[in-house]
Amino acid sequence: PVKTIGSFWPYATTIYDYVYRAMPYNAPQSLSANETYALTAYL
């Protein structure tokens, strides 16, 4: 199986939560709420 956002993640809110808390890898929690909404929309 290929586990990606489109195939495996059951809630879009989980994408927001993970990106907001843990990304980018070299600077976690550096994204604003607006940036995280935008990245979630793009993903």
Full PDB file with SEQRES, HELIX, SHEET, SSBOND, CRYST1, ORIGX, SCALE, CONECT and MASTER records, all heavy atoms in Angstrom:
SEQRES   1 A   43  PRO VAL LYS THR ILE GLY SER PHE TRP PRO TYR ALA THR          
SEQRES   2 A   43  THR ILE TYR ASP TYR VAL TYR ARG ALA MET PRO TYR ASN          
SEQRES   3 A   43  ALA PRO GLN SER LEU SER ALA ASN GLU THR TYR ALA LEU          
SEQRES   4 A   43  THR ALA TYR LEU                                              
HELIX    1 AA1 ALA A   12  ALA A   22  1                                  11    
HELIX    2 AA2 ALA A   33  TYR A   42  1                                  10    
CRYST1    1.000    1.000    1.000  90.00  90.00  90.00 P 1           1          
ORIGX1      1.000000  0.000000  0.000000        0.00000                         
ORIGX2      0.000000  1.000000  0.000000        0.00000                         
ORIGX3      0.000000  0.000000  1.000000        0.00000                         
SCALE1      1.000000  0.000000  0.000000        0.00000                         
SCALE2      0.000000  1.000000  0.000000        0.00000                         
SCALE3      0.000000  0.000000  1.000000        0.00000                         
ATOM      1  N   PRO A   1       0.826  -1.214   0.000  1.00  0.00           N  
ATOM      2  CA  PRO A   1       0.000   0.000   0.000  1.00  0.00           C  
ATOM      3  C   PRO A   1       0.860   1.263   0.000  1.00  0.00           C  
ATOM      4  O   PRO A   1       1.950   1.277   0.566  1.00  0.00           O  
ATOM      5  CB  PRO A   1      -0.805  -0.112   1.282  1.00  0.00           C  
ATOM      6  CG  PRO A   1      -0.056  -1.049   2.148  1.00  0.00           C  
ATOM      7  CD  PRO A   1       0.713  -1.960   1.249  1.00  0.00           C  
ATOM      8  N   VAL A   2       0.359   2.287  -0.650  1.00  0.00           N  
ATOM      9  CA  VAL A   2       1.030   3.582  -0.672  1.00  0.00           C  
ATOM     10  C   VAL A   2       0.228   4.496   0.244  1.00  0.00           C  
ATOM     11  O   VAL A   2      -0.875   4.922  -0.093  1.00  0.00           O  
ATOM     12  CB  VAL A   2       1.098   4.162  -2.108  1.00  0.00           C  
ATOM     13  CG1 VAL A   2       1.760   5.524  -2.101  1.00  0.00           C  
ATOM     14  CG2 VAL A   2       1.839   3.192  -3.020  1.00  0.00           C  
ATOM     15  N   LYS A   3       0.792   4.767   1.408  1.00  0.00           N  
ATOM     16  CA  LYS A   3       0.088   5.555   2.422  1.00  0.00           C  
ATOM     17  C   LYS A   3       0.450   7.032   2.275  1.00  0.00           C  
ATOM     18  O   LYS A   3       1.570   7.440   2.560  1.00  0.00           O  
ATOM     19  CB  LYS A   3       0.447   5.057   3.814  1.00  0.00           C  
ATOM     20  CG  LYS A   3      -0.035   3.643   4.064  1.00  0.00           C  
ATOM     21  CD  LYS A   3       0.339   3.171   5.454  1.00  0.00           C  
ATOM     22  CE  LYS A   3      -0.162   1.773   5.705  1.00  0.00           C  
ATOM     23  NZ  LYS A   3       0.228   1.290   7.034  1.00  0.00           N  
ATOM     24  N   THR A   4      -0.508   7.802   1.814  1.00  0.00           N  
ATOM     25  CA  THR A   4      -0.324   9.238   1.617  1.00  0.00           C  
ATOM     26  C   THR A   4      -1.526   9.971   2.208  1.00  0.00           C  
ATOM     27  O   THR A   4      -2.468   9.355   2.693  1.00  0.00           O  
ATOM     28  CB  THR A   4      -0.237   9.585   0.123  1.00  0.00           C  
ATOM     29  OG1 THR A   4      -1.514   9.346  -0.468  1.00  0.00           O  
ATOM     30  CG2 THR A   4       0.846   8.799  -0.591  1.00  0.00           C  
ATOM     31  N   ILE A   5      -1.490  11.275   2.107  1.00  0.00           N  
ATOM     32  CA  ILE A   5      -2.625  12.087   2.555  1.00  0.00           C  
ATOM     33  C   ILE A   5      -3.900  11.683   1.820  1.00  0.00           C  
ATOM     34  O   ILE A   5      -4.961  11.582   2.405  1.00  0.00           O  
ATOM     35  CB  ILE A   5      -2.315  13.582   2.358  1.00  0.00           C  
ATOM     36  CG1 ILE A   5      -1.269  14.019   3.377  1.00  0.00           C  
ATOM     37  CG2 ILE A   5      -3.568  14.434   2.429  1.00  0.00           C  
ATOM     38  CD1 ILE A   5      -0.703  15.389   3.146  1.00  0.00           C  
ATOM     39  N   GLY A   6      -3.790  11.426   0.535  1.00  0.00           N  
ATOM     40  CA  GLY A   6      -4.959  11.103  -0.268  1.00  0.00           C  
ATOM     41  C   GLY A   6      -5.471   9.691  -0.111  1.00  0.00           C  
ATOM     42  O   GLY A   6      -6.607   9.400  -0.452  1.00  0.00           O  
ATOM     43  N   SER A   7      -4.650   8.796   0.412  1.00  0.00           N  
ATOM     44  CA  SER A   7      -5.090   7.410   0.509  1.00  0.00           C  
ATOM     45  C   SER A   7      -5.280   6.912   1.939  1.00  0.00           C  
ATOM     46  O   SER A   7      -5.979   5.939   2.157  1.00  0.00           O  
ATOM     47  CB  SER A   7      -4.070   6.488  -0.173  1.00  0.00           C  
ATOM     48  OG  SER A   7      -2.844   6.461   0.545  1.00  0.00           O  
ATOM     49  N   PHE A   8      -4.646   7.540   2.898  1.00  0.00           N  
ATOM     50  CA  PHE A   8      -4.584   6.950   4.223  1.00  0.00           C  
ATOM     51  C   PHE A   8      -5.084   7.838   5.352  1.00  0.00           C  
ATOM     52  O   PHE A   8      -5.618   7.350   6.329  1.00  0.00           O  
ATOM     53  CB  PHE A   8      -3.126   6.539   4.500  1.00  0.00           C  
ATOM     54  CG  PHE A   8      -2.922   5.781   5.773  1.00  0.00           C  
ATOM     55  CD1 PHE A   8      -3.385   4.484   5.902  1.00  0.00           C  
ATOM     56  CD2 PHE A   8      -2.265   6.355   6.833  1.00  0.00           C  
ATOM     57  CE1 PHE A   8      -3.185   3.769   7.079  1.00  0.00           C  
ATOM     58  CE2 PHE A   8      -2.059   5.664   8.015  1.00  0.00           C  
ATOM     59  CZ  PHE A   8      -2.527   4.358   8.127  1.00  0.00           C  
ATOM     60  N   TRP A   9      -4.904   9.143   5.255  1.00  0.00           N  
ATOM     61  CA  TRP A   9      -5.270  10.043   6.351  1.00  0.00           C  
ATOM     62  C   TRP A   9      -6.782  10.257   6.336  1.00  0.00           C  
ATOM     63  O   TRP A   9      -7.319  10.830   5.386  1.00  0.00           O  
ATOM     64  CB  TRP A   9      -4.544  11.373   6.216  1.00  0.00           C  
ATOM     65  CG  TRP A   9      -3.069  11.288   6.428  1.00  0.00           C  
ATOM     66  CD1 TRP A   9      -2.212  10.350   5.934  1.00  0.00           C  
ATOM     67  CD2 TRP A   9      -2.266  12.187   7.183  1.00  0.00           C  
ATOM     68  NE1 TRP A   9      -0.933  10.615   6.334  1.00  0.00           N  
ATOM     69  CE2 TRP A   9      -0.929  11.737   7.107  1.00  0.00           C  
ATOM     70  CE3 TRP A   9      -2.534  13.331   7.912  1.00  0.00           C  
ATOM     71  CZ2 TRP A   9       0.114  12.390   7.732  1.00  0.00           C  
ATOM     72  CZ3 TRP A   9      -1.490  13.987   8.533  1.00  0.00           C  
ATOM     73  CH2 TRP A   9      -0.190  13.515   8.453  1.00  0.00           C  
ATOM     74  N   PRO A  10      -7.492   9.834   7.376  1.00  0.00           N  
ATOM     75  CA  PRO A  10      -8.954   9.886   7.336  1.00  0.00           C  
ATOM     76  C   PRO A  10      -9.568  11.254   7.613  1.00  0.00           C  
ATOM     77  O   PRO A  10     -10.726  11.477   7.289  1.00  0.00           O  
ATOM     78  CB  PRO A  10      -9.369   8.892   8.421  1.00  0.00           C  
ATOM     79  CG  PRO A  10      -8.242   8.901   9.388  1.00  0.00           C  
ATOM     80  CD  PRO A  10      -7.004   9.139   8.564  1.00  0.00           C  
ATOM     81  N   TYR A  11      -8.822  12.176   8.211  1.00  0.00           N  
ATOM     82  CA  TYR A  11      -9.385  13.489   8.550  1.00  0.00           C  
ATOM     83  C   TYR A  11      -8.470  14.598   8.034  1.00  0.00           C  
ATOM     84  O   TYR A  11      -7.261  14.580   8.293  1.00  0.00           O  
ATOM     85  CB  TYR A  11      -9.529  13.659  10.065  1.00  0.00           C  
ATOM     86  CG  TYR A  11     -10.398  12.607  10.712  1.00  0.00           C  
ATOM     87  CD1 TYR A  11      -9.830  11.557  11.412  1.00  0.00           C  
ATOM     88  CD2 TYR A  11     -11.781  12.670  10.602  1.00  0.00           C  
ATOM     89  CE1 TYR A  11     -10.612  10.581  11.991  1.00  0.00           C  
ATOM     90  CE2 TYR A  11     -12.579  11.702  11.184  1.00  0.00           C  
ATOM     91  CZ  TYR A  11     -11.990  10.661  11.876  1.00  0.00           C  
ATOM     92  OH  TYR A  11     -12.774   9.694  12.445  1.00  0.00           O  
ATOM     93  N   ALA A  12      -9.048  15.568   7.365  1.00  0.00           N  
ATOM     94  CA  ALA A  12      -8.260  16.712   6.891  1.00  0.00           C  
ATOM     95  C   ALA A  12      -7.713  17.513   8.070  1.00  0.00           C  
ATOM     96  O   ALA A  12      -6.645  18.115   7.971  1.00  0.00           O  
ATOM     97  CB  ALA A  12      -9.121  17.592   5.990  1.00  0.00           C  
ATOM     98  N   THR A  13      -8.427  17.507   9.189  1.00  0.00           N  
ATOM     99  CA  THR A  13      -7.966  18.244  10.366  1.00  0.00           C  
ATOM    100  C   THR A  13      -6.661  17.658  10.913  1.00  0.00           C  
ATOM    101  O   THR A  13      -5.862  18.376  11.509  1.00  0.00           O  
ATOM    102  CB  THR A  13      -9.034  18.228  11.469  1.00  0.00           C  
ATOM    103  OG1 THR A  13      -9.452  16.878  11.691  1.00  0.00           O  
ATOM    104  CG2 THR A  13     -10.227  19.081  11.082  1.00  0.00           C  
ATOM    105  N   THR A  14      -6.443  16.365  10.697  1.00  0.00           N  
ATOM    106  CA  THR A  14      -5.202  15.729  11.151  1.00  0.00           C  
ATOM    107  C   THR A  14      -4.009  16.278  10.382  1.00  0.00           C  
ATOM    108  O   THR A  14      -2.917  16.411  10.932  1.00  0.00           O  
ATOM    109  CB  THR A  14      -5.292  14.201  10.996  1.00  0.00           C  
ATOM    110  OG1 THR A  14      -6.459  13.741  11.660  1.00  0.00           O  
ATOM    111  CG2 THR A  14      -4.076  13.511  11.574  1.00  0.00           C  
ATOM    112  N   ILE A  15      -4.207  16.579   9.119  1.00  0.00           N  
ATOM    113  CA  ILE A  15      -3.136  17.176   8.316  1.00  0.00           C  
ATOM    114  C   ILE A  15      -2.759  18.522   8.917  1.00  0.00           C  
ATOM    115  O   ILE A  15      -1.580  18.802   9.157  1.00  0.00           O  
ATOM    116  CB  ILE A  15      -3.569  17.354   6.846  1.00  0.00           C  
ATOM    117  CG1 ILE A  15      -3.926  16.005   6.246  1.00  0.00           C  
ATOM    118  CG2 ILE A  15      -2.474  18.052   6.040  1.00  0.00           C  
ATOM    119  CD1 ILE A  15      -4.730  16.098   4.968  1.00  0.00           C  
ATOM    120  N   TYR A  16      -3.766  19.350   9.171  1.00  0.00           N  
ATOM    121  CA  TYR A  16      -3.511  20.658   9.778  1.00  0.00           C  
ATOM    122  C   TYR A  16      -2.747  20.481  11.091  1.00  0.00           C  
ATOM    123  O   TYR A  16      -1.723  21.126  11.326  1.00  0.00           O  
ATOM    124  CB  TYR A  16      -4.822  21.423  10.033  1.00  0.00           C  
ATOM    125  CG  TYR A  16      -4.556  22.779  10.616  1.00  0.00           C  
ATOM    126  CD1 TYR A  16      -4.500  23.896   9.809  1.00  0.00           C  
ATOM    127  CD2 TYR A  16      -4.269  22.946  11.974  1.00  0.00           C  
ATOM    128  CE1 TYR A  16      -4.193  25.147  10.327  1.00  0.00           C  
ATOM    129  CE2 TYR A  16      -3.961  24.176  12.505  1.00  0.00           C  
ATOM    130  CZ  TYR A  16      -3.924  25.270  11.679  1.00  0.00           C  
ATOM    131  OH  TYR A  16      -3.600  26.491  12.202  1.00  0.00           O  
ATOM    132  N   ASP A  17      -3.244  19.620  11.959  1.00  0.00           N  
ATOM    133  CA  ASP A  17      -2.644  19.416  13.279  1.00  0.00           C  
ATOM    134  C   ASP A  17      -1.179  19.009  13.167  1.00  0.00           C  
ATOM    135  O   ASP A  17      -0.307  19.583  13.813  1.00  0.00           O  
ATOM    136  CB  ASP A  17      -3.433  18.354  14.051  1.00  0.00           C  
ATOM    137  CG  ASP A  17      -2.842  18.057  15.407  1.00  0.00           C  
ATOM    138  OD1 ASP A  17      -2.828  18.966  16.263  1.00  0.00           O  
ATOM    139  OD2 ASP A  17      -2.372  16.923  15.619  1.00  0.00           O  
ATOM    140  N   TYR A  18      -0.897  18.035  12.313  1.00  0.00           N  
ATOM    141  CA  TYR A  18       0.475  17.543  12.182  1.00  0.00           C  
ATOM    142  C   TYR A  18       1.405  18.615  11.608  1.00  0.00           C  
ATOM    143  O   TYR A  18       2.501  18.845  12.131  1.00  0.00           O  
ATOM    144  CB  TYR A  18       0.513  16.282  11.321  1.00  0.00           C  
ATOM    145  CG  TYR A  18       1.903  15.717  11.235  1.00  0.00           C  
ATOM    146  CD1 TYR A  18       2.444  15.001  12.295  1.00  0.00           C  
ATOM    147  CD2 TYR A  18       2.693  15.930  10.116  1.00  0.00           C  
ATOM    148  CE1 TYR A  18       3.731  14.503  12.239  1.00  0.00           C  
ATOM    149  CE2 TYR A  18       3.982  15.439  10.050  1.00  0.00           C  
ATOM    150  CZ  TYR A  18       4.492  14.717  11.112  1.00  0.00           C  
ATOM    151  OH  TYR A  18       5.778  14.246  11.051  1.00  0.00           O  
ATOM    152  N   VAL A  19       0.972  19.251  10.549  1.00  0.00           N  
ATOM    153  CA  VAL A  19       1.810  20.282   9.920  1.00  0.00           C  
ATOM    154  C   VAL A  19       2.076  21.430  10.897  1.00  0.00           C  
ATOM    155  O   VAL A  19       3.203  21.905  11.030  1.00  0.00           O  
ATOM    156  CB  VAL A  19       1.168  20.793   8.610  1.00  0.00           C  
ATOM    157  CG1 VAL A  19       1.891  22.015   8.060  1.00  0.00           C  
ATOM    158  CG2 VAL A  19       1.135  19.675   7.570  1.00  0.00           C  
ATOM    159  N   TYR A  20       1.048  21.851  11.608  1.00  0.00           N  
ATOM    160  CA  TYR A  20       1.182  22.978  12.543  1.00  0.00           C  
ATOM    161  C   TYR A  20       2.146  22.664  13.686  1.00  0.00           C  
ATOM    162  O   TYR A  20       2.936  23.497  14.093  1.00  0.00           O  
ATOM    163  CB  TYR A  20      -0.202  23.339  13.093  1.00  0.00           C  
ATOM    164  CG  TYR A  20      -0.281  24.672  13.803  1.00  0.00           C  
ATOM    165  CD1 TYR A  20       0.102  25.842  13.177  1.00  0.00           C  
ATOM    166  CD2 TYR A  20      -0.773  24.751  15.097  1.00  0.00           C  
ATOM    167  CE1 TYR A  20       0.001  27.066  13.817  1.00  0.00           C  
ATOM    168  CE2 TYR A  20      -0.876  25.970  15.753  1.00  0.00           C  
ATOM    169  CZ  TYR A  20      -0.479  27.116  15.107  1.00  0.00           C  
ATOM    170  OH  TYR A  20      -0.576  28.334  15.747  1.00  0.00           O  
ATOM    171  N   ARG A  21       2.084  21.434  14.203  1.00  0.00           N  
ATOM    172  CA  ARG A  21       2.922  21.058  15.334  1.00  0.00           C  
ATOM    173  C   ARG A  21       4.335  20.644  14.937  1.00  0.00           C  
ATOM    174  O   ARG A  21       5.286  20.918  15.656  1.00  0.00           O  
ATOM    175  CB  ARG A  21       2.289  19.890  16.116  1.00  0.00           C  
ATOM    176  CG  ARG A  21       1.137  20.277  16.977  1.00  0.00           C  
ATOM    177  CD  ARG A  21       0.609  19.121  17.815  1.00  0.00           C  
ATOM    178  NE  ARG A  21       0.060  18.040  17.009  1.00  0.00           N  
ATOM    179  CZ  ARG A  21       0.645  16.852  16.848  1.00  0.00           C  
ATOM    180  NH1 ARG A  21       1.760  16.566  17.449  1.00  0.00           N  
ATOM    181  NH2 ARG A  21       0.082  15.938  16.085  1.00  0.00           N  
ATOM    182  N   ALA A  22       4.487  19.964  13.793  1.00  0.00           N  
ATOM    183  CA  ALA A  22       5.742  19.271  13.524  1.00  0.00           C  
ATOM    184  C   ALA A  22       6.521  19.720  12.295  1.00  0.00           C  
ATOM    185  O   ALA A  22       7.654  19.278  12.102  1.00  0.00           O  
ATOM    186  CB  ALA A  22       5.452  17.775  13.401  1.00  0.00           C  
ATOM    187  N   MET A  23       5.971  20.565  11.474  1.00  0.00           N  
ATOM    188  CA  MET A  23       6.645  20.944  10.233  1.00  0.00           C  
ATOM    189  C   MET A  23       6.963  22.427  10.207  1.00  0.00           C  
ATOM    190  O   MET A  23       6.296  23.195  10.894  1.00  0.00           O  
ATOM    191  CB  MET A  23       5.769  20.582   9.030  1.00  0.00           C  
ATOM    192  CG  MET A  23       5.595  19.089   8.829  1.00  0.00           C  
ATOM    193  SD  MET A  23       7.125  18.351   8.277  1.00  0.00           S  
ATOM    194  CE  MET A  23       7.328  17.014   9.413  1.00  0.00           C  
ATOM    195  N   PRO A  24       7.918  22.843   9.409  1.00  0.00           N  
ATOM    196  CA  PRO A  24       8.859  21.995   8.688  1.00  0.00           C  
ATOM    197  C   PRO A  24       9.811  21.297   9.665  1.00  0.00           C  
ATOM    198  O   PRO A  24      10.010  21.753  10.789  1.00  0.00           O  
ATOM    199  CB  PRO A  24       9.607  22.959   7.771  1.00  0.00           C  
ATOM    200  CG  PRO A  24       9.432  24.299   8.368  1.00  0.00           C  
ATOM    201  CD  PRO A  24       8.158  24.260   9.160  1.00  0.00           C  
ATOM    202  N   TYR A  25      10.396  20.223   9.193  1.00  0.00           N  
ATOM    203  CA  TYR A  25      11.220  19.371  10.041  1.00  0.00           C  
ATOM    204  C   TYR A  25      12.322  20.157  10.753  1.00  0.00           C  
ATOM    205  O   TYR A  25      12.593  19.924  11.919  1.00  0.00           O  
ATOM    206  CB  TYR A  25      11.823  18.249   9.188  1.00  0.00           C  
ATOM    207  CG  TYR A  25      12.710  17.319   9.968  1.00  0.00           C  
ATOM    208  CD1 TYR A  25      12.156  16.370  10.815  1.00  0.00           C  
ATOM    209  CD2 TYR A  25      14.092  17.381   9.852  1.00  0.00           C  
ATOM    210  CE1 TYR A  25      12.956  15.511  11.544  1.00  0.00           C  
ATOM    211  CE2 TYR A  25      14.904  16.530  10.574  1.00  0.00           C  
ATOM    212  CZ  TYR A  25      14.326  15.596  11.418  1.00  0.00           C  
ATOM    213  OH  TYR A  25      15.122  14.750  12.135  1.00  0.00           O  
ATOM    214  N   ASN A  26      12.923  21.097  10.055  1.00  0.00           N  
ATOM    215  CA  ASN A  26      14.034  21.857  10.645  1.00  0.00           C  
ATOM    216  C   ASN A  26      13.577  23.034  11.505  1.00  0.00           C  
ATOM    217  O   ASN A  26      14.406  23.691  12.132  1.00  0.00           O  
ATOM    218  CB  ASN A  26      14.980  22.367   9.555  1.00  0.00           C  
ATOM    219  CG  ASN A  26      14.310  23.353   8.625  1.00  0.00           C  
ATOM    220  OD1 ASN A  26      13.092  23.370   8.502  1.00  0.00           O  
ATOM    221  ND2 ASN A  26      15.100  24.175   7.965  1.00  0.00           N  
ATOM    222  N   ALA A  27      12.274  23.297  11.548  1.00  0.00           N  
ATOM    223  CA  ALA A  27      11.759  24.422  12.347  1.00  0.00           C  
ATOM    224  C   ALA A  27      10.319  24.162  12.763  1.00  0.00           C  
ATOM    225  O   ALA A  27       9.411  24.891  12.367  1.00  0.00           O  
ATOM    226  CB  ALA A  27      11.875  25.718  11.553  1.00  0.00           C  
ATOM    227  N   PRO A  28      10.068  23.115  13.568  1.00  0.00           N  
ATOM    228  CA  PRO A  28       8.690  22.819  13.954  1.00  0.00           C  
ATOM    229  C   PRO A  28       8.039  23.982  14.692  1.00  0.00           C  
ATOM    230  O   PRO A  28       8.708  24.754  15.364  1.00  0.00           O  
ATOM    231  CB  PRO A  28       8.816  21.588  14.851  1.00  0.00           C  
ATOM    232  CG  PRO A  28      10.243  21.481  15.213  1.00  0.00           C  
ATOM    233  CD  PRO A  28      11.033  22.233  14.196  1.00  0.00           C  
ATOM    234  N   GLN A  29       6.754  24.119  14.523  1.00  0.00           N  
ATOM    235  CA  GLN A  29       5.932  25.161  15.125  1.00  0.00           C  
ATOM    236  C   GLN A  29       6.313  26.566  14.670  1.00  0.00           C  
ATOM    237  O   GLN A  29       6.019  27.548  15.339  1.00  0.00           O  
ATOM    238  CB  GLN A  29       5.947  25.071  16.653  1.00  0.00           C  
ATOM    239  CG  GLN A  29       5.305  23.814  17.169  1.00  0.00           C  
ATOM    240  CD  GLN A  29       5.151  23.804  18.668  1.00  0.00           C  
ATOM    241  OE1 GLN A  29       5.305  24.818  19.335  1.00  0.00           O  
ATOM    242  NE2 GLN A  29       4.830  22.656  19.207  1.00  0.00           N  
ATOM    243  N   SER A  30       6.930  26.663  13.510  1.00  0.00           N  
ATOM    244  CA  SER A  30       7.298  27.986  12.994  1.00  0.00           C  
ATOM    245  C   SER A  30       6.270  28.528  12.006  1.00  0.00           C  
ATOM    246  O   SER A  30       6.359  29.697  11.611  1.00  0.00           O  
ATOM    247  CB  SER A  30       8.679  27.930  12.334  1.00  0.00           C  
ATOM    248  OG  SER A  30       8.648  27.087  11.191  1.00  0.00           O  
ATOM    249  N   LEU A  31       5.315  27.715  11.602  1.00  0.00           N  
ATOM    250  CA  LEU A  31       4.308  28.166  10.644  1.00  0.00           C  
ATOM    251  C   LEU A  31       3.162  28.873  11.357  1.00  0.00           C  
ATOM    252  O   LEU A  31       2.731  28.442  12.429  1.00  0.00           O  
ATOM    253  CB  LEU A  31       3.742  26.972   9.865  1.00  0.00           C  
ATOM    254  CG  LEU A  31       4.737  26.192   9.013  1.00  0.00           C  
ATOM    255  CD1 LEU A  31       4.087  24.911   8.498  1.00  0.00           C  
ATOM    256  CD2 LEU A  31       5.240  27.043   7.867  1.00  0.00           C  
ATOM    257  N   SER A  32       2.661  29.922  10.750  1.00  0.00           N  
ATOM    258  CA  SER A  32       1.491  30.611  11.299  1.00  0.00           C  
ATOM    259  C   SER A  32       0.242  29.786  10.995  1.00  0.00           C  
ATOM    260  O   SER A  32       0.271  28.863  10.170  1.00  0.00           O  
ATOM    261  CB  SER A  32       1.353  31.994  10.662  1.00  0.00           C  
ATOM    262  OG  SER A  32       0.969  31.868   9.301  1.00  0.00           O  
ATOM    263  N   ALA A  33      -0.851  30.147  11.629  1.00  0.00           N  
ATOM    264  CA  ALA A  33      -2.125  29.474  11.346  1.00  0.00           C  
ATOM    265  C   ALA A  33      -2.494  29.649   9.877  1.00  0.00           C  
ATOM    266  O   ALA A  33      -2.923  28.692   9.218  1.00  0.00           O  
ATOM    267  CB  ALA A  33      -3.219  30.027  12.253  1.00  0.00           C  
ATOM    268  N   ASN A  34      -2.325  30.850   9.331  1.00  0.00           N  
ATOM    269  CA  ASN A  34      -2.658  31.102   7.926  1.00  0.00           C  
ATOM    270  C   ASN A  34      -1.800  30.244   6.996  1.00  0.00           C  
ATOM    271  O   ASN A  34      -2.301  29.687   6.015  1.00  0.00           O  
ATOM    272  CB  ASN A  34      -2.486  32.576   7.574  1.00  0.00           C  
ATOM    273  CG  ASN A  34      -3.528  33.458   8.227  1.00  0.00           C  
ATOM    274  OD1 ASN A  34      -4.583  32.996   8.641  1.00  0.00           O  
ATOM    275  ND2 ASN A  34      -3.225  34.731   8.334  1.00  0.00           N  
ATOM    276  N   GLU A  35      -0.505  30.149   7.280  1.00  0.00           N  
ATOM    277  CA  GLU A  35       0.384  29.327   6.454  1.00  0.00           C  
ATOM    278  C   GLU A  35      -0.034  27.859   6.517  1.00  0.00           C  
ATOM    279  O   GLU A  35      -0.010  27.149   5.510  1.00  0.00           O  
ATOM    280  CB  GLU A  35       1.834  29.476   6.915  1.00  0.00           C  
ATOM    281  CG  GLU A  35       2.447  30.815   6.594  1.00  0.00           C  
ATOM    282  CD  GLU A  35       3.819  30.999   7.204  1.00  0.00           C  
ATOM    283  OE1 GLU A  35       4.041  30.581   8.367  1.00  0.00           O  
ATOM    284  OE2 GLU A  35       4.691  31.572   6.512  1.00  0.00           O  
ATOM    285  N   THR A  36      -0.429  27.398   7.699  1.00  0.00           N  
ATOM    286  CA  THR A  36      -0.817  26.001   7.852  1.00  0.00           C  
ATOM    287  C   THR A  36      -2.121  25.712   7.123  1.00  0.00           C  
ATOM    288  O   THR A  36      -2.262  24.662   6.488  1.00  0.00           O  
ATOM    289  CB  THR A  36      -0.914  25.617   9.341  1.00  0.00           C  
ATOM    290  OG1 THR A  36       0.307  25.999   9.994  1.00  0.00           O  
ATOM    291  CG2 THR A  36      -1.106  24.132   9.506  1.00  0.00           C  
ATOM    292  N   TYR A  37      -3.079  26.630   7.181  1.00  0.00           N  
ATOM    293  CA  TYR A  37      -4.315  26.449   6.400  1.00  0.00           C  
ATOM    294  C   TYR A  37      -3.977  26.384   4.906  1.00  0.00           C  
ATOM    295  O   TYR A  37      -4.510  25.549   4.175  1.00  0.00           O  
ATOM    296  CB  TYR A  37      -5.306  27.586   6.652  1.00  0.00           C  
ATOM    297  CG  TYR A  37      -6.108  27.437   7.916  1.00  0.00           C  
ATOM    298  CD1 TYR A  37      -5.986  28.358   8.946  1.00  0.00           C  
ATOM    299  CD2 TYR A  37      -7.010  26.384   8.080  1.00  0.00           C  
ATOM    300  CE1 TYR A  37      -6.727  28.233  10.113  1.00  0.00           C  
ATOM    301  CE2 TYR A  37      -7.759  26.254   9.243  1.00  0.00           C  
ATOM    302  CZ  TYR A  37      -7.609  27.184  10.254  1.00  0.00           C  
ATOM    303  OH  TYR A  37      -8.346  27.054  11.407  1.00  0.00           O  
ATOM    304  N   ALA A  38      -3.096  27.256   4.451  1.00  0.00           N  
ATOM    305  CA  ALA A  38      -2.730  27.285   3.036  1.00  0.00           C  
ATOM    306  C   ALA A  38      -2.026  25.992   2.622  1.00  0.00           C  
ATOM    307  O   ALA A  38      -2.351  25.408   1.574  1.00  0.00           O  
ATOM    308  CB  ALA A  38      -1.837  28.495   2.751  1.00  0.00           C  
ATOM    309  N   LEU A  39      -1.093  25.525   3.422  1.00  0.00           N  
ATOM    310  CA  LEU A  39      -0.398  24.276   3.091  1.00  0.00           C  
ATOM    311  C   LEU A  39      -1.358  23.091   3.102  1.00  0.00           C  
ATOM    312  O   LEU A  39      -1.287  22.217   2.233  1.00  0.00           O  
ATOM    313  CB  LEU A  39       0.762  24.033   4.059  1.00  0.00           C  
ATOM    314  CG  LEU A  39       1.996  24.885   3.802  1.00  0.00           C  
ATOM    315  CD1 LEU A  39       2.960  24.807   4.971  1.00  0.00           C  
ATOM    316  CD2 LEU A  39       2.674  24.449   2.506  1.00  0.00           C  
ATOM    317  N   THR A  40      -2.263  23.059   4.057  1.00  0.00           N  
ATOM    318  CA  THR A  40      -3.254  21.986   4.112  1.00  0.00           C  
ATOM    319  C   THR A  40      -4.127  22.015   2.860  1.00  0.00           C  
ATOM    320  O   THR A  40      -4.392  20.969   2.254  1.00  0.00           O  
ATOM    321  CB  THR A  40      -4.114  22.105   5.385  1.00  0.00           C  
ATOM    322  OG1 THR A  40      -3.255  22.059   6.532  1.00  0.00           O  
ATOM    323  CG2 THR A  40      -5.141  20.988   5.472  1.00  0.00           C  
ATOM    324  N   ALA A  41      -4.549  23.198   2.460  1.00  0.00           N  
ATOM    325  CA  ALA A  41      -5.359  23.332   1.243  1.00  0.00           C  
ATOM    326  C   ALA A  41      -4.584  22.816   0.029  1.00  0.00           C  
ATOM    327  O   ALA A  41      -5.122  22.072  -0.803  1.00  0.00           O  
ATOM    328  CB  ALA A  41      -5.768  24.796   1.038  1.00  0.00           C  
ATOM    329  N   TYR A  42      -3.315  23.190  -0.066  1.00  0.00           N  
ATOM    330  CA  TYR A  42      -2.504  22.761  -1.208  1.00  0.00           C  
ATOM    331  C   TYR A  42      -2.297  21.246  -1.210  1.00  0.00           C  
ATOM    332  O   TYR A  42      -2.401  20.591  -2.255  1.00  0.00           O  
ATOM    333  CB  TYR A  42      -1.162  23.492  -1.205  1.00  0.00           C  
ATOM    334  CG  TYR A  42      -0.325  23.166  -2.401  1.00  0.00           C  
ATOM    335  CD1 TYR A  42      -0.702  23.588  -3.677  1.00  0.00           C  
ATOM    336  CD2 TYR A  42       0.844  22.427  -2.280  1.00  0.00           C  
ATOM    337  CE1 TYR A  42       0.061  23.271  -4.791  1.00  0.00           C  
ATOM    338  CE2 TYR A  42       1.616  22.116  -3.384  1.00  0.00           C  
ATOM    339  CZ  TYR A  42       1.219  22.535  -4.643  1.00  0.00           C  
ATOM    340  OH  TYR A  42       1.970  22.221  -5.749  1.00  0.00           O  
ATOM    341  N   LEU A  43      -2.024  20.674  -0.050  1.00  0.00           N  
ATOM    342  CA  LEU A  43      -1.830  19.225   0.037  1.00  0.00           C  
ATOM    343  C   LEU A  43      -3.104  18.474  -0.351  1.00  0.00           C  
ATOM    344  O   LEU A  43      -3.054  17.464  -1.058  1.00  0.00           O  
ATOM    345  CB  LEU A  43      -1.390  18.836   1.446  1.00  0.00           C  
ATOM    346  CG  LEU A  43      -0.002  19.316   1.855  1.00  0.00           C  
ATOM    347  CD1 LEU A  43       0.222  19.107   3.351  1.00  0.00           C  
ATOM    348  CD2 LEU A  43       1.073  18.618   1.038  1.00  0.00           C  
TER     349      LEU A  43                                                      
MASTER        0    0    0    2    0    0    0    6  348    1    0    4          
END                                                                             
